[in-house]
Amino acid sequence: MMQDRSAPLPFKSVLVPAVATLGVTLLRLTGELLGWSTTLFGDSGGGAAIVGIVWLVPVFGGYFACSLAARGPTPRPAGVVGHALGAASLVVASGAIGGLLLKLPQVGQVGVVMLAAAAGAWVAYRGFPALGRTLLLYGVAARVPVIIVMLVAILSSWHTHYNAPPPALRDLAALPKWFLISVIPQTFLWIPFTMIVGAFFGGIALVAVGYRQRAAIA
């Protein structure tokens, strides 16, 4: 029987990556609270710290794609990569249009990018629905703990990037601030990011799987 290309991996296949991602989230939080290396753990301003769950997306995107390939037929890798690149282009173009062409304020630019990211996630999903659904499940499992950590960080006034709002939002009450800097971006930016970037690296992984399978036959 042909594998349903829209059926995601079972939850147990996502559980270990989700737990590993939670471990990295808690490790980064600990490193920031204890003042460990800013190169590894960042600071209250955030930035591209080496220890961060964003770097796990390419790894697990490839892993999920390979797992799906082991279960049955998959779409052509070029199509998967192409949809992901189209999605990323949509997000980049929205940022350029909002900032350079329409000259929207920062809040407006972020809003446009988030809408484009949500649309881009759908585009990436269309390239390989089973992978898209798996990445959506993983994205939710990865980002919900971050939302919770950010709430605790805001209520506790920790000195971490988890509770560092932009200057315009610093005087907001705790719950509105949490909603604006945590719930909305984690839902409409970082989960779509997981689906788009994960799909791209999933497509790359499918190329490698195809080469390995052809080599084994030869």
Protein backbone atom coordinates (compact mmCIF):
# COMPACT_ATOMS: atom_id res chain seq x y z
CA MET A 1 0.00 0.00 0.00
CA MET A 2 1.38 3.45 -0.96
CA GLN A 3 2.26 5.71 1.95
CA ASP A 4 -0.09 8.67 2.41
CA ARG A 5 2.10 11.67 1.57
CA SER A 6 0.08 13.90 3.88
CA ALA A 7 0.37 11.62 6.93
CA PRO A 8 2.92 12.97 9.44
CA LEU A 9 5.26 10.87 11.52
CA PRO A 10 3.66 9.44 14.67
CA PHE A 11 3.97 11.55 17.79
CA LYS A 12 6.53 9.19 19.32
CA SER A 13 8.90 10.03 16.44
CA VAL A 14 8.69 13.70 17.38
CA LEU A 15 8.88 13.14 21.14
CA VAL A 16 12.66 12.66 21.41
CA PRO A 17 13.46 15.74 19.28
CA ALA A 18 10.95 17.72 21.36
CA VAL A 19 12.56 16.62 24.63
CA ALA A 20 16.03 17.39 23.27
CA THR A 21 14.82 20.84 22.24
CA LEU A 22 13.36 21.44 25.69
CA GLY A 23 16.73 20.48 27.16
CA VAL A 24 18.47 23.09 25.02
CA THR A 25 15.91 25.72 26.04
CA LEU A 26 16.49 25.02 29.73
CA LEU A 27 20.26 24.90 29.23
CA ARG A 28 20.27 28.32 27.59
CA LEU A 29 18.04 29.74 30.32
CA THR A 30 20.41 28.37 32.96
CA GLY A 31 23.45 29.78 31.15
CA GLU A 32 21.89 33.24 30.95
CA LEU A 33 20.75 33.26 34.58
CA LEU A 34 24.17 32.16 35.84
CA GLY A 35 26.09 34.48 33.55
CA TRP A 36 27.90 31.83 31.58
CA SER A 37 29.68 32.57 28.30
CA THR A 38 27.79 35.14 26.23
CA THR A 39 29.22 33.54 23.10
CA LEU A 40 27.53 30.26 23.97
CA PHE A 41 24.40 31.48 25.71
CA GLY A 42 23.91 35.08 24.58
CA ASP A 43 22.78 37.87 26.88
CA SER A 44 19.68 39.86 27.67
CA GLY A 45 19.68 41.19 24.14
CA GLY A 46 19.33 37.76 22.58
CA GLY A 47 21.39 37.43 19.42
CA ALA A 48 22.68 34.35 17.66
CA ALA A 49 23.93 32.41 20.66
CA ILE A 50 25.56 29.06 19.88
CA VAL A 51 23.28 27.32 22.39
CA GLY A 52 19.81 27.84 20.99
CA ILE A 53 16.96 25.78 19.61
CA VAL A 54 16.98 27.64 16.30
CA TRP A 55 20.03 25.61 15.24
CA LEU A 56 18.13 22.36 15.78
CA VAL A 57 15.61 23.09 13.04
CA PRO A 58 17.92 22.07 10.12
CA VAL A 59 18.98 18.94 11.99
CA PHE A 60 15.47 17.74 12.78
CA GLY A 61 14.12 18.87 9.41
CA GLY A 62 16.57 16.49 7.75
CA TYR A 63 15.88 13.78 10.32
CA PHE A 64 12.11 13.92 9.82
CA ALA A 65 12.47 13.83 6.04
CA CYS A 66 14.73 10.78 6.19
CA SER A 67 12.32 9.07 8.57
CA LEU A 68 9.45 9.71 6.18
CA ALA A 69 11.52 8.44 3.24
CA ALA A 70 12.11 5.20 5.15
CA ARG A 71 8.35 4.73 5.49
CA GLY A 72 7.39 5.15 1.85
CA PRO A 73 7.52 7.26 -1.31
CA THR A 74 8.24 10.96 -0.95
CA PRO A 75 7.91 13.95 -3.29
CA ARG A 76 10.84 14.96 -5.49
CA PRO A 77 13.54 16.72 -3.45
CA ALA A 78 13.67 19.58 -5.97
CA GLY A 79 10.00 20.28 -5.36
CA VAL A 80 10.43 20.25 -1.58
CA VAL A 81 13.42 22.60 -1.73
CA GLY A 82 11.72 24.80 -4.31
CA HIS A 83 8.61 25.28 -2.18
CA ALA A 84 10.79 26.11 0.85
CA LEU A 85 12.81 28.65 -1.13
CA GLY A 86 9.61 30.19 -2.46
CA ALA A 87 8.32 30.49 1.11
CA ALA A 88 11.55 32.10 2.31
CA SER A 89 11.49 34.52 -0.64
CA LEU A 90 7.97 35.54 0.31
CA VAL A 91 9.06 36.39 3.84
CA VAL A 92 12.15 38.33 2.70
CA ALA A 93 10.14 40.24 0.10
CA SER A 94 7.49 41.17 2.67
CA GLY A 95 10.18 42.64 4.92
CA ALA A 96 11.63 44.66 2.07
CA ILE A 97 8.22 45.92 0.95
CA GLY A 98 7.10 46.83 4.46
CA GLY A 99 10.32 48.60 5.38
CA LEU A 100 11.73 50.08 2.18
CA LEU A 101 8.68 50.58 -0.02
CA LEU A 102 5.82 51.25 2.39
CA LYS A 103 8.12 52.62 5.13
CA LEU A 104 5.96 51.13 7.84
CA PRO A 105 6.90 51.62 11.51
CA GLN A 106 8.70 48.72 13.17
CA VAL A 107 5.51 47.23 14.59
CA GLY A 108 3.90 47.32 11.15
CA GLN A 109 6.94 45.74 9.51
CA VAL A 110 6.94 42.91 12.04
CA GLY A 111 3.23 42.36 11.48
CA VAL A 112 3.68 42.13 7.71
CA VAL A 113 6.57 39.69 8.10
CA MET A 114 4.54 37.49 10.44
CA LEU A 115 1.63 37.35 8.00
CA ALA A 116 4.06 36.48 5.22
CA ALA A 117 5.69 33.84 7.42
CA ALA A 118 2.32 32.19 8.05
CA ALA A 119 1.62 32.20 4.31
CA GLY A 120 5.15 30.93 3.66
CA ALA A 121 4.63 28.05 6.06
CA TRP A 122 1.65 26.97 3.95
CA VAL A 123 3.76 27.20 0.78
CA ALA A 124 6.50 25.08 2.33
CA TYR A 125 3.90 22.62 3.59
CA ARG A 126 2.55 22.12 0.06
CA GLY A 127 5.94 20.86 -1.09
CA PHE A 128 5.78 17.82 1.22
CA PRO A 129 2.60 17.74 3.35
CA ALA A 130 3.72 14.88 5.60
CA LEU A 131 6.94 16.71 6.44
CA GLY A 132 5.02 19.96 6.86
CA ARG A 133 2.64 18.42 9.38
CA THR A 134 5.51 16.79 11.26
CA LEU A 135 7.40 20.09 11.41
CA LEU A 136 4.25 21.86 12.60
CA LEU A 137 3.90 19.34 15.42
CA TYR A 138 7.57 19.70 16.30
CA GLY A 139 7.35 23.49 16.09
CA VAL A 140 4.48 23.58 18.55
CA ALA A 141 6.30 21.17 20.89
CA ALA A 142 9.44 23.31 20.69
CA ARG A 143 7.85 26.72 21.07
CA VAL A 144 5.16 26.19 23.71
CA PRO A 145 7.83 25.62 26.42
CA VAL A 146 9.53 28.84 25.28
CA ILE A 147 6.24 30.71 25.70
CA ILE A 148 5.95 29.34 29.23
CA VAL A 149 9.57 30.17 30.07
CA MET A 150 9.06 33.72 28.81
CA LEU A 151 6.00 34.18 31.03
CA VAL A 152 7.95 33.08 34.09
CA ALA A 153 10.91 35.25 33.08
CA ILE A 154 8.70 38.32 32.69
CA LEU A 155 6.86 37.78 35.97
CA SER A 156 10.17 37.15 37.76
CA SER A 157 12.03 40.06 36.10
CA TRP A 158 14.95 37.85 35.12
CA HIS A 159 17.87 39.36 33.22
CA THR A 160 17.58 37.19 30.13
CA HIS A 161 16.63 37.55 26.49
CA TYR A 162 13.42 35.69 27.28
CA ASN A 163 11.97 38.78 28.95
CA ALA A 164 13.74 41.58 27.05
CA PRO A 165 11.12 43.57 25.11
CA PRO A 166 11.89 46.29 22.55
CA PRO A 167 12.05 49.80 24.06
CA ALA A 168 8.50 50.67 22.99
CA LEU A 169 7.06 47.82 25.05
CA ARG A 170 9.13 48.08 28.22
CA ASP A 171 6.46 49.93 30.21
CA LEU A 172 3.65 47.50 29.41
CA ALA A 173 2.10 45.35 32.13
CA ALA A 174 3.43 41.80 32.37
CA LEU A 175 0.64 39.91 30.62
CA PRO A 176 0.22 42.25 27.62
CA LYS A 177 4.00 42.33 27.26
CA TRP A 178 4.14 38.52 27.33
CA PHE A 179 1.42 38.28 24.71
CA LEU A 180 3.15 40.73 22.38
CA ILE A 181 6.76 39.56 22.69
CA SER A 182 6.14 35.86 23.27
CA VAL A 183 2.79 34.37 22.25
CA ILE A 184 2.42 36.23 18.95
CA PRO A 185 5.99 35.92 17.59
CA GLN A 186 6.49 32.36 18.79
CA THR A 187 3.23 31.38 17.08
CA PHE A 188 3.33 33.42 13.89
CA LEU A 189 7.07 33.76 13.30
CA TRP A 190 9.06 30.96 14.90
CA ILE A 191 6.71 28.07 14.16
CA PRO A 192 6.52 29.12 10.49
CA PHE A 193 10.32 29.50 10.55
CA THR A 194 10.53 25.90 11.75
CA MET A 195 8.30 24.72 8.91
CA ILE A 196 10.09 26.70 6.18
CA VAL A 197 13.70 26.08 7.20
CA GLY A 198 12.95 22.51 8.26
CA ALA A 199 11.39 21.82 4.86
CA PHE A 200 14.42 23.22 3.04
CA PHE A 201 16.87 21.02 4.92
CA GLY A 202 14.43 18.13 4.67
CA GLY A 203 14.56 18.46 0.90
CA ILE A 204 18.37 18.51 1.01
CA ALA A 205 18.30 15.37 3.13
CA LEU A 206 16.07 13.66 0.56
CA VAL A 207 18.72 14.39 -2.09
CA ALA A 208 21.30 12.62 0.08
CA VAL A 209 18.93 9.70 0.66
CA GLY A 210 18.39 9.37 -3.09
CA TYR A 211 22.12 9.33 -3.80
CA ARG A 212 22.66 6.70 -1.11
CA GLN A 213 19.86 4.51 -2.44
CA ARG A 214 21.16 4.72 -6.00
CA ALA A 215 24.67 3.89 -4.82
CA ALA A 216 23.38 0.86 -2.95
CA ILE A 217 21.57 -0.39 -6.06
CA ALA A 218 24.65 0.15 -8.24
